[in-house]
Amino acid sequence: MILTALDQLCQCAEARAELLKHGAGLAVVSKKILRVSKVGTERVVRILLSIAKYSGSGVVVQEMVQLGVVTKLCLVLQVDSGSKAKERAREILKLHARVWKNSNCISMNLLSSYP
């Protein structure tokens, strides 16, 4: 239920800014990918899509790489078949693919999963 509330809040620019301002905000949210439930994963990916789409500055994109968010999104592509989370994960990866593709934080076997 907390992820659902956070998802609703992240539709607002101020809430996204507060989440990103918190030192562990992005890390705590991304940690829930593939750990809570299928619905939880869908909510987290939706939160991350809001952040990547509307608040995806260079600093945020690099933080997502360093925290392993990109790796987890690639895992969502491999694990979830036919779900909304998979479609949204693909959209997030496409949004910033040029930046993430050149990062040394992403292992070579996951680069093959890039759309």
PDB file of N, CA and C in Angstrom:
ATOM      1  N   MET A   1       0.817  -1.182   0.000  1.00  0.00           N
ATOM      2  CA  MET A   1       0.000   0.000   0.000  1.00  0.00           C
ATOM      3  C   MET A   1       0.872   1.261   0.000  1.00  0.00           C
ATOM      4  N   ILE A   2       2.029   1.164   0.635  1.00  0.00           N
ATOM      5  CA  ILE A   2       2.927   2.321   0.666  1.00  0.00           C
ATOM      6  C   ILE A   2       3.433   2.644  -0.734  1.00  0.00           C
ATOM      7  N   LEU A   3       3.739   1.607  -1.503  1.00  0.00           N
ATOM      8  CA  LEU A   3       4.211   1.834  -2.874  1.00  0.00           C
ATOM      9  C   LEU A   3       3.123   2.461  -3.731  1.00  0.00           C
ATOM     10  N   THR A   4       1.876   2.082  -3.502  1.00  0.00           N
ATOM     11  CA  THR A   4       0.765   2.680  -4.236  1.00  0.00           C
ATOM     12  C   THR A   4       0.630   4.157  -3.889  1.00  0.00           C
ATOM     13  N   ALA A   5       0.750   4.471  -2.612  1.00  0.00           N
ATOM     14  CA  ALA A   5       0.675   5.878  -2.191  1.00  0.00           C
ATOM     15  C   ALA A   5       1.838   6.676  -2.771  1.00  0.00           C
ATOM     16  N   LEU A   6       3.024   6.100  -2.733  1.00  0.00           N
ATOM     17  CA  LEU A   6       4.193   6.782  -3.288  1.00  0.00           C
ATOM     18  C   LEU A   6       4.064   6.960  -4.800  1.00  0.00           C
ATOM     19  N   ASP A   7       3.476   5.984  -5.456  1.00  0.00           N
ATOM     20  CA  ASP A   7       3.227   6.086  -6.896  1.00  0.00           C
ATOM     21  C   ASP A   7       2.298   7.261  -7.188  1.00  0.00           C
ATOM     22  N   GLN A   8       1.242   7.396  -6.413  1.00  0.00           N
ATOM     23  CA  GLN A   8       0.313   8.506  -6.602  1.00  0.00           C
ATOM     24  C   GLN A   8       0.989   9.847  -6.329  1.00  0.00           C
ATOM     25  N   LEU A   9       1.809   9.888  -5.297  1.00  0.00           N
ATOM     26  CA  LEU A   9       2.518  11.127  -4.968  1.00  0.00           C
ATOM     27  C   LEU A   9       3.512  11.521  -6.058  1.00  0.00           C
ATOM     28  N   CYS A  10       4.154  10.536  -6.672  1.00  0.00           N
ATOM     29  CA  CYS A  10       5.181  10.823  -7.686  1.00  0.00           C
ATOM     30  C   CYS A  10       4.595  11.332  -8.998  1.00  0.00           C
ATOM     31  N   GLN A  11       3.294  11.423  -9.088  1.00  0.00           N
ATOM     32  CA  GLN A  11       2.677  12.049 -10.246  1.00  0.00           C
ATOM     33  C   GLN A  11       2.794  13.566 -10.148  1.00  0.00           C
ATOM     34  N   CYS A  12       3.215  14.044  -8.990  1.00  0.00           N
ATOM     35  CA  CYS A  12       3.375  15.471  -8.720  1.00  0.00           C
ATOM     36  C   CYS A  12       4.864  15.820  -8.704  1.00  0.00           C
ATOM     37  N   ALA A  13       5.225  16.933  -9.305  1.00  0.00           N
ATOM     38  CA  ALA A  13       6.631  17.336  -9.412  1.00  0.00           C
ATOM     39  C   ALA A  13       7.273  17.554  -8.048  1.00  0.00           C
ATOM     40  N   GLU A  14       6.550  18.128  -7.113  1.00  0.00           N
ATOM     41  CA  GLU A  14       7.111  18.386  -5.791  1.00  0.00           C
ATOM     42  C   GLU A  14       7.451  17.086  -5.068  1.00  0.00           C
ATOM     43  N   ALA A  15       6.602  16.092  -5.196  1.00  0.00           N
ATOM     44  CA  ALA A  15       6.851  14.802  -4.541  1.00  0.00           C
ATOM     45  C   ALA A  15       8.055  14.097  -5.155  1.00  0.00           C
ATOM     46  N   ARG A  16       8.185  14.173  -6.481  1.00  0.00           N
ATOM     47  CA  ARG A  16       9.368  13.580  -7.124  1.00  0.00           C
ATOM     48  C   ARG A  16      10.633  14.274  -6.637  1.00  0.00           C
ATOM     49  N   ALA A  17      10.584  15.585  -6.531  1.00  0.00           N
ATOM     50  CA  ALA A  17      11.749  16.340  -6.060  1.00  0.00           C
ATOM     51  C   ALA A  17      12.104  15.954  -4.627  1.00  0.00           C
ATOM     52  N   GLU A  18      11.111  15.774  -3.779  1.00  0.00           N
ATOM     53  CA  GLU A  18      11.376  15.380  -2.390  1.00  0.00           C
ATOM     54  C   GLU A  18      11.961  13.974  -2.322  1.00  0.00           C
ATOM     55  N   LEU A  19      11.465  13.065  -3.157  1.00  0.00           N
ATOM     56  CA  LEU A  19      12.009  11.706  -3.186  1.00  0.00           C
ATOM     57  C   LEU A  19      13.468  11.728  -3.604  1.00  0.00           C
ATOM     58  N   LEU A  20      13.779  12.518  -4.619  1.00  0.00           N
ATOM     59  CA  LEU A  20      15.150  12.604  -5.101  1.00  0.00           C
ATOM     60  C   LEU A  20      16.058  13.363  -4.141  1.00  0.00           C
ATOM     61  N   LYS A  21      15.492  14.286  -3.384  1.00  0.00           N
ATOM     62  CA  LYS A  21      16.279  15.061  -2.431  1.00  0.00           C
ATOM     63  C   LYS A  21      16.732  14.190  -1.259  1.00  0.00           C
ATOM     64  N   HIS A  22      15.915  13.198  -0.909  1.00  0.00           N
ATOM     65  CA  HIS A  22      16.280  12.305   0.189  1.00  0.00           C
ATOM     66  C   HIS A  22      17.454  11.436  -0.244  1.00  0.00           C
ATOM     67  N   GLY A  23      18.439  11.300   0.592  1.00  0.00           N
ATOM     68  CA  GLY A  23      19.651  10.571   0.247  1.00  0.00           C
ATOM     69  C   GLY A  23      19.433   9.125  -0.167  1.00  0.00           C
ATOM     70  N   ALA A  24      18.476   8.461   0.447  1.00  0.00           N
ATOM     71  CA  ALA A  24      18.237   7.052   0.150  1.00  0.00           C
ATOM     72  C   ALA A  24      16.920   6.823  -0.567  1.00  0.00           C
ATOM     73  N   GLY A  25      16.253   7.863  -1.004  1.00  0.00           N
ATOM     74  CA  GLY A  25      14.934   7.732  -1.606  1.00  0.00           C
ATOM     75  C   GLY A  25      14.905   6.799  -2.805  1.00  0.00           C
ATOM     76  N   LEU A  26      15.752   7.059  -3.757  1.00  0.00           N
ATOM     77  CA  LEU A  26      15.790   6.245  -4.977  1.00  0.00           C
ATOM     78  C   LEU A  26      16.280   4.826  -4.677  1.00  0.00           C
ATOM     79  N   ALA A  27      17.224   4.710  -3.764  1.00  0.00           N
ATOM     80  CA  ALA A  27      17.767   3.396  -3.414  1.00  0.00           C
ATOM     81  C   ALA A  27      16.721   2.510  -2.746  1.00  0.00           C
ATOM     82  N   VAL A  28      15.961   3.073  -1.825  1.00  0.00           N
ATOM     83  CA  VAL A  28      14.955   2.295  -1.101  1.00  0.00           C
ATOM     84  C   VAL A  28      13.834   1.860  -2.040  1.00  0.00           C
ATOM     85  N   VAL A  29      13.417   2.752  -2.903  1.00  0.00           N
ATOM     86  CA  VAL A  29      12.344   2.410  -3.845  1.00  0.00           C
ATOM     87  C   VAL A  29      12.819   1.319  -4.804  1.00  0.00           C
ATOM     88  N   SER A  30      13.990   1.486  -5.367  1.00  0.00           N
ATOM     89  CA  SER A  30      14.471   0.513  -6.354  1.00  0.00           C
ATOM     90  C   SER A  30      14.773  -0.842  -5.733  1.00  0.00           C
ATOM     91  N   LYS A  31      15.053  -0.870  -4.445  1.00  0.00           N
ATOM     92  CA  LYS A  31      15.334  -2.141  -3.766  1.00  0.00           C
ATOM     93  C   LYS A  31      14.133  -3.074  -3.783  1.00  0.00           C
ATOM     94  N   LYS A  32      12.942  -2.535  -3.946  1.00  0.00           N
ATOM     95  CA  LYS A  32      11.715  -3.329  -3.901  1.00  0.00           C
ATOM     96  C   LYS A  32      11.397  -4.039  -5.222  1.00  0.00           C
ATOM     97  N   ILE A  33      12.187  -3.766  -6.270  1.00  0.00           N
ATOM     98  CA  ILE A  33      11.948  -4.427  -7.560  1.00  0.00           C
ATOM     99  C   ILE A  33      12.183  -5.927  -7.408  1.00  0.00           C
ATOM    100  N   LEU A  34      11.211  -6.710  -7.825  1.00  0.00           N
ATOM    101  CA  LEU A  34      11.244  -8.176  -7.815  1.00  0.00           C
ATOM    102  C   LEU A  34      11.426  -8.763  -6.421  1.00  0.00           C
ATOM    103  N   ARG A  35      11.127  -7.992  -5.379  1.00  0.00           N
ATOM    104  CA  ARG A  35      11.297  -8.500  -4.021  1.00  0.00           C
ATOM    105  C   ARG A  35       9.993  -8.583  -3.251  1.00  0.00           C
ATOM    106  N   VAL A  36       9.038  -7.734  -3.535  1.00  0.00           N
ATOM    107  CA  VAL A  36       7.820  -7.672  -2.734  1.00  0.00           C
ATOM    108  C   VAL A  36       6.743  -8.545  -3.362  1.00  0.00           C
ATOM    109  N   SER A  37       6.288  -8.150  -4.516  1.00  0.00           N
ATOM    110  CA  SER A  37       5.252  -8.878  -5.245  1.00  0.00           C
ATOM    111  C   SER A  37       5.236  -8.354  -6.672  1.00  0.00           C
ATOM    112  N   LYS A  38       4.429  -8.971  -7.494  1.00  0.00           N
ATOM    113  CA  LYS A  38       4.308  -8.506  -8.874  1.00  0.00           C
ATOM    114  C   LYS A  38       3.703  -7.108  -8.913  1.00  0.00           C
ATOM    115  N   VAL A  39       2.694  -6.866  -8.077  1.00  0.00           N
ATOM    116  CA  VAL A  39       2.072  -5.542  -8.006  1.00  0.00           C
ATOM    117  C   VAL A  39       3.073  -4.525  -7.463  1.00  0.00           C
ATOM    118  N   GLY A  40       3.854  -4.920  -6.469  1.00  0.00           N
ATOM    119  CA  GLY A  40       4.876  -4.035  -5.923  1.00  0.00           C
ATOM    120  C   GLY A  40       5.900  -3.651  -6.968  1.00  0.00           C
ATOM    121  N   THR A  41       6.330  -4.628  -7.767  1.00  0.00           N
ATOM    122  CA  THR A  41       7.281  -4.353  -8.841  1.00  0.00           C
ATOM    123  C   THR A  41       6.681  -3.398  -9.856  1.00  0.00           C
ATOM    124  N   GLU A  42       5.413  -3.604 -10.205  1.00  0.00           N
ATOM    125  CA  GLU A  42       4.763  -2.702 -11.156  1.00  0.00           C
ATOM    126  C   GLU A  42       4.700  -1.274 -10.618  1.00  0.00           C
ATOM    127  N   ARG A  43       4.419  -1.123  -9.337  1.00  0.00           N
ATOM    128  CA  ARG A  43       4.362   0.213  -8.740  1.00  0.00           C
ATOM    129  C   ARG A  43       5.738   0.874  -8.731  1.00  0.00           C
ATOM    130  N   VAL A  44       6.754   0.117  -8.368  1.00  0.00           N
ATOM    131  CA  VAL A  44       8.113   0.674  -8.339  1.00  0.00           C
ATOM    132  C   VAL A  44       8.552   1.100  -9.733  1.00  0.00           C
ATOM    133  N   VAL A  45       8.295   0.277 -10.716  1.00  0.00           N
ATOM    134  CA  VAL A  45       8.682   0.623 -12.080  1.00  0.00           C
ATOM    135  C   VAL A  45       7.917   1.856 -12.548  1.00  0.00           C
ATOM    136  N   ARG A  46       6.680   1.969 -12.133  1.00  0.00           N
ATOM    137  CA  ARG A  46       5.897   3.166 -12.487  1.00  0.00           C
ATOM    138  C   ARG A  46       6.468   4.421 -11.822  1.00  0.00           C
ATOM    139  N   ILE A  47       6.893   4.296 -10.572  1.00  0.00           N
ATOM    140  CA  ILE A  47       7.544   5.405  -9.870  1.00  0.00           C
ATOM    141  C   ILE A  47       8.822   5.797 -10.598  1.00  0.00           C
ATOM    142  N   LEU A  48       9.622   4.804 -10.954  1.00  0.00           N
ATOM    143  CA  LEU A  48      10.879   5.075 -11.652  1.00  0.00           C
ATOM    144  C   LEU A  48      10.645   5.692 -13.027  1.00  0.00           C
ATOM    145  N   LEU A  49       9.559   5.297 -13.688  1.00  0.00           N
ATOM    146  CA  LEU A  49       9.228   5.900 -14.977  1.00  0.00           C
ATOM    147  C   LEU A  49       8.900   7.377 -14.803  1.00  0.00           C
ATOM    148  N   SER A  50       8.142   7.699 -13.777  1.00  0.00           N
ATOM    149  CA  SER A  50       7.822   9.113 -13.510  1.00  0.00           C
ATOM    150  C   SER A  50       9.097   9.911 -13.268  1.00  0.00           C
ATOM    151  N   ILE A  51       9.999   9.340 -12.502  1.00  0.00           N
ATOM    152  CA  ILE A  51      11.257  10.035 -12.213  1.00  0.00           C
ATOM    153  C   ILE A  51      12.099  10.165 -13.468  1.00  0.00           C
ATOM    154  N   ALA A  52      12.230   9.088 -14.228  1.00  0.00           N
ATOM    155  CA  ALA A  52      13.065   9.126 -15.434  1.00  0.00           C
ATOM    156  C   ALA A  52      12.486  10.054 -16.491  1.00  0.00           C
ATOM    157  N   LYS A  53      11.185  10.095 -16.588  1.00  0.00           N
ATOM    158  CA  LYS A  53      10.536  10.886 -17.624  1.00  0.00           C
ATOM    159  C   LYS A  53      10.533  12.377 -17.300  1.00  0.00           C
ATOM    160  N   TYR A  54      10.203  12.731 -16.067  1.00  0.00           N
ATOM    161  CA  TYR A  54      10.001  14.130 -15.731  1.00  0.00           C
ATOM    162  C   TYR A  54      11.116  14.753 -14.888  1.00  0.00           C
ATOM    163  N   SER A  55      11.930  13.928 -14.249  1.00  0.00           N
ATOM    164  CA  SER A  55      12.997  14.447 -13.390  1.00  0.00           C
ATOM    165  C   SER A  55      14.338  13.819 -13.739  1.00  0.00           C
ATOM    166  N   GLY A  56      14.481  13.346 -14.956  1.00  0.00           N
ATOM    167  CA  GLY A  56      15.663  12.604 -15.370  1.00  0.00           C
ATOM    168  C   GLY A  56      16.854  13.465 -15.741  1.00  0.00           C
ATOM    169  N   SER A  57      17.360  14.230 -14.794  1.00  0.00           N
ATOM    170  CA  SER A  57      18.548  15.037 -15.058  1.00  0.00           C
ATOM    171  C   SER A  57      19.771  14.121 -15.122  1.00  0.00           C
ATOM    172  N   GLY A  58      20.879  14.671 -15.525  1.00  0.00           N
ATOM    173  CA  GLY A  58      22.106  13.888 -15.628  1.00  0.00           C
ATOM    174  C   GLY A  58      22.526  13.264 -14.310  1.00  0.00           C
ATOM    175  N   VAL A  59      22.343  14.014 -13.226  1.00  0.00           N
ATOM    176  CA  VAL A  59      22.703  13.506 -11.900  1.00  0.00           C
ATOM    177  C   VAL A  59      21.812  12.328 -11.519  1.00  0.00           C
ATOM    178  N   VAL A  60      20.537  12.437 -11.788  1.00  0.00           N
ATOM    179  CA  VAL A  60      19.588  11.371 -11.451  1.00  0.00           C
ATOM    180  C   VAL A  60      19.880  10.124 -12.284  1.00  0.00           C
ATOM    181  N   VAL A  61      20.167  10.309 -13.540  1.00  0.00           N
ATOM    182  CA  VAL A  61      20.456   9.179 -14.430  1.00  0.00           C
ATOM    183  C   VAL A  61      21.720   8.455 -13.965  1.00  0.00           C
ATOM    184  N   GLN A  62      22.749   9.202 -13.591  1.00  0.00           N
ATOM    185  CA  GLN A  62      23.979   8.574 -13.101  1.00  0.00           C
ATOM    186  C   GLN A  62      23.742   7.870 -11.765  1.00  0.00           C
ATOM    187  N   GLU A  63      22.915   8.456 -10.915  1.00  0.00           N
ATOM    188  CA  GLU A  63      22.596   7.807  -9.638  1.00  0.00           C
ATOM    189  C   GLU A  63      21.865   6.493  -9.874  1.00  0.00           C
ATOM    190  N   MET A  64      20.995   6.462 -10.867  1.00  0.00           N
ATOM    191  CA  MET A  64      20.276   5.229 -11.185  1.00  0.00           C
ATOM    192  C   MET A  64      21.237   4.137 -11.632  1.00  0.00           C
ATOM    193  N   VAL A  65      22.271   4.508 -12.357  1.00  0.00           N
ATOM    194  CA  VAL A  65      23.273   3.523 -12.777  1.00  0.00           C
ATOM    195  C   VAL A  65      24.051   3.029 -11.565  1.00  0.00           C
ATOM    196  N   GLN A  66      24.504   3.942 -10.729  1.00  0.00           N
ATOM    197  CA  GLN A  66      25.320   3.574  -9.573  1.00  0.00           C
ATOM    198  C   GLN A  66      24.560   2.730  -8.562  1.00  0.00           C
ATOM    199  N   LEU A  67      23.267   2.957  -8.424  1.00  0.00           N
ATOM    200  CA  LEU A  67      22.457   2.197  -7.473  1.00  0.00           C
ATOM    201  C   LEU A  67      22.045   0.828  -8.010  1.00  0.00           C
ATOM    202  N   GLY A  68      22.260   0.581  -9.271  1.00  0.00           N
ATOM    203  CA  GLY A  68      21.874  -0.695  -9.854  1.00  0.00           C
ATOM    204  C   GLY A  68      20.451  -0.730 -10.366  1.00  0.00           C
ATOM    205  N   VAL A  69      19.827   0.430 -10.491  1.00  0.00           N
ATOM    206  CA  VAL A  69      18.448   0.489 -10.985  1.00  0.00           C
ATOM    207  C   VAL A  69      18.375  -0.021 -12.421  1.00  0.00           C
ATOM    208  N   VAL A  70      19.355   0.351 -13.221  1.00  0.00           N
ATOM    209  CA  VAL A  70      19.361  -0.069 -14.629  1.00  0.00           C
ATOM    210  C   VAL A  70      19.480  -1.582 -14.722  1.00  0.00           C
ATOM    211  N   THR A  71      20.324  -2.162 -13.898  1.00  0.00           N
ATOM    212  CA  THR A  71      20.483  -3.617 -13.885  1.00  0.00           C
ATOM    213  C   THR A  71      19.177  -4.291 -13.500  1.00  0.00           C
ATOM    214  N   LYS A  72      18.496  -3.744 -12.503  1.00  0.00           N
ATOM    215  CA  LYS A  72      17.224  -4.325 -12.072  1.00  0.00           C
ATOM    216  C   LYS A  72      16.155  -4.188 -13.142  1.00  0.00           C
ATOM    217  N   LEU A  73      16.172  -3.085 -13.873  1.00  0.00           N
ATOM    218  CA  LEU A  73      15.211  -2.925 -14.967  1.00  0.00           C
ATOM    219  C   LEU A  73      15.471  -3.940 -16.070  1.00  0.00           C
ATOM    220  N   CYS A  74      16.736  -4.233 -16.331  1.00  0.00           N
ATOM    221  CA  CYS A  74      17.058  -5.276 -17.312  1.00  0.00           C
ATOM    222  C   CYS A  74      16.570  -6.631 -16.837  1.00  0.00           C
ATOM    223  N   LEU A  75      16.642  -6.876 -15.545  1.00  0.00           N
ATOM    224  CA  LEU A  75      16.121  -8.131 -15.000  1.00  0.00           C
ATOM    225  C   LEU A  75      14.604  -8.203 -15.131  1.00  0.00           C
ATOM    226  N   VAL A  76      13.938  -7.085 -14.962  1.00  0.00           N
ATOM    227  CA  VAL A  76      12.481  -7.056 -15.155  1.00  0.00           C
ATOM    228  C   VAL A  76      12.151  -7.443 -16.594  1.00  0.00           C
ATOM    229  N   LEU A  77      12.957  -6.973 -17.540  1.00  0.00           N
ATOM    230  CA  LEU A  77      12.731  -7.342 -18.942  1.00  0.00           C
ATOM    231  C   LEU A  77      12.860  -8.838 -19.150  1.00  0.00           C
ATOM    232  N   GLN A  78      13.769  -9.457 -18.425  1.00  0.00           N
ATOM    233  CA  GLN A  78      14.003 -10.886 -18.596  1.00  0.00           C
ATOM    234  C   GLN A  78      12.992 -11.747 -17.846  1.00  0.00           C
ATOM    235  N   VAL A  79      12.504 -11.268 -16.701  1.00  0.00           N
ATOM    236  CA  VAL A  79      11.659 -12.089 -15.828  1.00  0.00           C
ATOM    237  C   VAL A  79      10.178 -11.910 -16.106  1.00  0.00           C
ATOM    238  N   ASP A  80       9.696 -10.676 -16.104  1.00  0.00           N
ATOM    239  CA  ASP A  80       8.268 -10.425 -16.270  1.00  0.00           C
ATOM    240  C   ASP A  80       7.874 -10.536 -17.736  1.00  0.00           C
ATOM    241  N   SER A  81       7.011 -11.481 -18.025  1.00  0.00           N
ATOM    242  CA  SER A  81       6.577 -11.636 -19.406  1.00  0.00           C
ATOM    243  C   SER A  81       5.170 -11.087 -19.578  1.00  0.00           C
ATOM    244  N   GLY A  82       5.040 -10.143 -20.496  1.00  0.00           N
ATOM    245  CA  GLY A  82       3.726  -9.612 -20.840  1.00  0.00           C
ATOM    246  C   GLY A  82       3.098  -8.692 -19.820  1.00  0.00           C
ATOM    247  N   SER A  83       3.857  -8.172 -18.885  1.00  0.00           N
ATOM    248  CA  SER A  83       3.261  -7.302 -17.875  1.00  0.00           C
ATOM    249  C   SER A  83       3.506  -5.838 -18.204  1.00  0.00           C
ATOM    250  N   LYS A  84       2.766  -4.979 -17.530  1.00  0.00           N
ATOM    251  CA  LYS A  84       2.951  -3.533 -17.681  1.00  0.00           C
ATOM    252  C   LYS A  84       4.331  -3.116 -17.186  1.00  0.00           C
ATOM    253  N   ALA A  85       4.833  -3.797 -16.163  1.00  0.00           N
ATOM    254  CA  ALA A  85       6.151  -3.471 -15.621  1.00  0.00           C
ATOM    255  C   ALA A  85       7.222  -3.653 -16.691  1.00  0.00           C
ATOM    256  N   LYS A  86       7.092  -4.679 -17.489  1.00  0.00           N
ATOM    257  CA  LYS A  86       8.072  -4.928 -18.543  1.00  0.00           C
ATOM    258  C   LYS A  86       8.026  -3.815 -19.596  1.00  0.00           C
ATOM    259  N   GLU A  87       6.834  -3.410 -19.976  1.00  0.00           N
ATOM    260  CA  GLU A  87       6.692  -2.327 -20.963  1.00  0.00           C
ATOM    261  C   GLU A  87       7.264  -1.022 -20.429  1.00  0.00           C
ATOM    262  N   ARG A  88       6.978  -0.727 -19.165  1.00  0.00           N
ATOM    263  CA  ARG A  88       7.483   0.510 -18.564  1.00  0.00           C
ATOM    264  C   ARG A  88       8.994   0.459 -18.371  1.00  0.00           C
ATOM    265  N   ALA A  89       9.527  -0.695 -17.999  1.00  0.00           N
ATOM    266  CA  ALA A  89      10.976  -0.842 -17.848  1.00  0.00           C
ATOM    267  C   ALA A  89      11.663  -0.600 -19.191  1.00  0.00           C
ATOM    268  N   ARG A  90      11.093  -1.126 -20.245  1.00  0.00           N
ATOM    269  CA  ARG A  90      11.650  -0.911 -21.583  1.00  0.00           C
ATOM    270  C   ARG A  90      11.619   0.576 -21.935  1.00  0.00           C
ATOM    271  N   GLU A  91      10.540   1.254 -21.569  1.00  0.00           N
ATOM    272  CA  GLU A  91      10.424   2.686 -21.854  1.00  0.00           C
ATOM    273  C   GLU A  91      11.484   3.485 -21.091  1.00  0.00           C
ATOM    274  N   ILE A  92      11.706   3.134 -19.823  1.00  0.00           N
ATOM    275  CA  ILE A  92      12.726   3.823 -19.025  1.00  0.00           C
ATOM    276  C   ILE A  92      14.101   3.617 -19.650  1.00  0.00           C
ATOM    277  N   LEU A  93      14.402   2.396 -20.029  1.00  0.00           N
ATOM    278  CA  LEU A  93      15.712   2.104 -20.611  1.00  0.00           C
ATOM    279  C   LEU A  93      15.917   2.840 -21.932  1.00  0.00           C
ATOM    280  N   LYS A  94      14.861   2.973 -22.712  1.00  0.00           N
ATOM    281  CA  LYS A  94      14.974   3.694 -23.979  1.00  0.00           C
ATOM    282  C   LYS A  94      15.168   5.190 -23.776  1.00  0.00           C
ATOM    283  N   LEU A  95      14.566   5.745 -22.708  1.00  0.00           N
ATOM    284  CA  LEU A  95      14.668   7.182 -22.459  1.00  0.00           C
ATOM    285  C   LEU A  95      16.115   7.655 -22.324  1.00  0.00           C
ATOM    286  N   HIS A  96      16.922   6.885 -21.630  1.00  0.00           N
ATOM    287  CA  HIS A  96      18.285   7.313 -21.339  1.00  0.00           C
ATOM    288  C   HIS A  96      19.320   6.296 -21.823  1.00  0.00           C
ATOM    289  N   ALA A  97      18.991   5.577 -22.870  1.00  0.00           N
ATOM    290  CA  ALA A  97      19.859   4.507 -23.359  1.00  0.00           C
ATOM    291  C   ALA A  97      21.240   5.009 -23.752  1.00  0.00           C
ATOM    292  N   ARG A  98      21.326   6.188 -24.344  1.00  0.00           N
ATOM    293  CA  ARG A  98      22.635   6.701 -24.766  1.00  0.00           C
ATOM    294  C   ARG A  98      23.567   6.920 -23.589  1.00  0.00           C
ATOM    295  N   VAL A  99      23.030   7.397 -22.495  1.00  0.00           N
ATOM    296  CA  VAL A  99      23.856   7.638 -21.310  1.00  0.00           C
ATOM    297  C   VAL A  99      24.252   6.318 -20.665  1.00  0.00           C
ATOM    298  N   TRP A 100      23.284   5.421 -20.485  1.00  0.00           N
ATOM    299  CA  TRP A 100      23.545   4.176 -19.774  1.00  0.00           C
ATOM    300  C   TRP A 100      24.380   3.204 -20.583  1.00  0.00           C
ATOM    301  N   LYS A 101      24.261   3.252 -21.869  1.00  0.00           N
ATOM    302  CA  LYS A 101      25.000   2.314 -22.715  1.00  0.00           C
ATOM    303  C   LYS A 101      26.501   2.506 -22.577  1.00  0.00           C
ATOM    304  N   ASN A 102      26.937   3.735 -22.350  1.00  0.00           N
ATOM    305  CA  ASN A 102      28.360   4.035 -22.247  1.00  0.00           C
ATOM    306  C   ASN A 102      28.888   3.963 -20.820  1.00  0.00           C
ATOM    307  N   SER A 103      28.060   3.550 -19.880  1.00  0.00           N
ATOM    308  CA  SER A 103      28.487   3.499 -18.481  1.00  0.00           C
ATOM    309  C   SER A 103      29.273   2.226 -18.211  1.00  0.00           C
ATOM    310  N   ASN A 104      30.302   2.352 -17.391  1.00  0.00           N
ATOM    311  CA  ASN A 104      31.093   1.176 -17.037  1.00  0.00           C
ATOM    312  C   ASN A 104      30.479   0.418 -15.862  1.00  0.00           C
ATOM    313  N   CYS A 105      29.388   0.901 -15.297  1.00  0.00           N
ATOM    314  CA  CYS A 105      28.724   0.235 -14.181  1.00  0.00           C
ATOM    315  C   CYS A 105      27.815  -0.907 -14.630  1.00  0.00           C
ATOM    316  N   ILE A 106      27.533  -0.979 -15.914  1.00  0.00           N
ATOM    317  CA  ILE A 106      26.635  -2.017 -16.425  1.00  0.00           C
ATOM    318  C   ILE A 106      27.482  -3.140 -17.003  1.00  0.00           C
ATOM    319  N   SER A 107      27.198  -4.356 -16.547  1.00  0.00           N
ATOM    320  CA  SER A 107      27.976  -5.487 -17.031  1.00  0.00           C
ATOM    321  C   SER A 107      27.629  -5.783 -18.490  1.00  0.00           C
ATOM    322  N   MET A 108      28.556  -6.389 -19.174  1.00  0.00           N
ATOM    323  CA  MET A 108      28.407  -6.623 -20.616  1.00  0.00           C
ATOM    324  C   MET A 108      27.247  -7.568 -20.925  1.00  0.00           C
ATOM    325  N   ASN A 109      26.992  -8.544 -20.056  1.00  0.00           N
ATOM    326  CA  ASN A 109      25.886  -9.477 -20.356  1.00  0.00           C
ATOM    327  C   ASN A 109      24.527  -8.793 -20.271  1.00  0.00           C
ATOM    328  N   LEU A 110      24.408  -7.708 -19.495  1.00  0.00           N
ATOM    329  CA  LEU A 110      23.131  -6.994 -19.423  1.00  0.00           C
ATOM    330  C   LEU A 110      22.948  -6.031 -20.581  1.00  0.00           C
ATOM    331  N   LEU A 111      24.045  -5.599 -21.201  1.00  0.00           N
ATOM    332  CA  LEU A 111      23.910  -4.707 -22.355  1.00  0.00           C
ATOM    333  C   LEU A 111      23.182  -5.380 -23.514  1.00  0.00           C
ATOM    334  N   SER A 112      23.258  -6.696 -23.576  1.00  0.00           N
ATOM    335  CA  SER A 112      22.545  -7.419 -24.630  1.00  0.00           C
ATOM    336  C   SER A 112      21.039  -7.355 -24.425  1.00  0.00           C
ATOM    337  N   SER A 113      20.582  -7.041 -23.202  1.00  0.00           N
ATOM    338  CA  SER A 113      19.148  -6.925 -22.912  1.00  0.00           C
ATOM    339  C   SER A 113      18.590  -5.568 -23.264  1.00  0.00           C
ATOM    340  N   TYR A 114      19.475  -4.629 -23.591  1.00  0.00           N
ATOM    341  CA  TYR A 114      19.011  -3.263 -23.903  1.00  0.00           C
ATOM    342  C   TYR A 114      18.147  -3.282 -25.141  1.00  0.00           C
ATOM    343  N   PRO A 115      17.058  -2.510 -25.079  1.00  0.00           N
ATOM    344  CA  PRO A 115      16.183  -2.417 -26.260  1.00  0.00           C
ATOM    345  C   PRO A 115      16.840  -1.615 -27.386  1.00  0.00           C
TER     346      PRO A 115
END
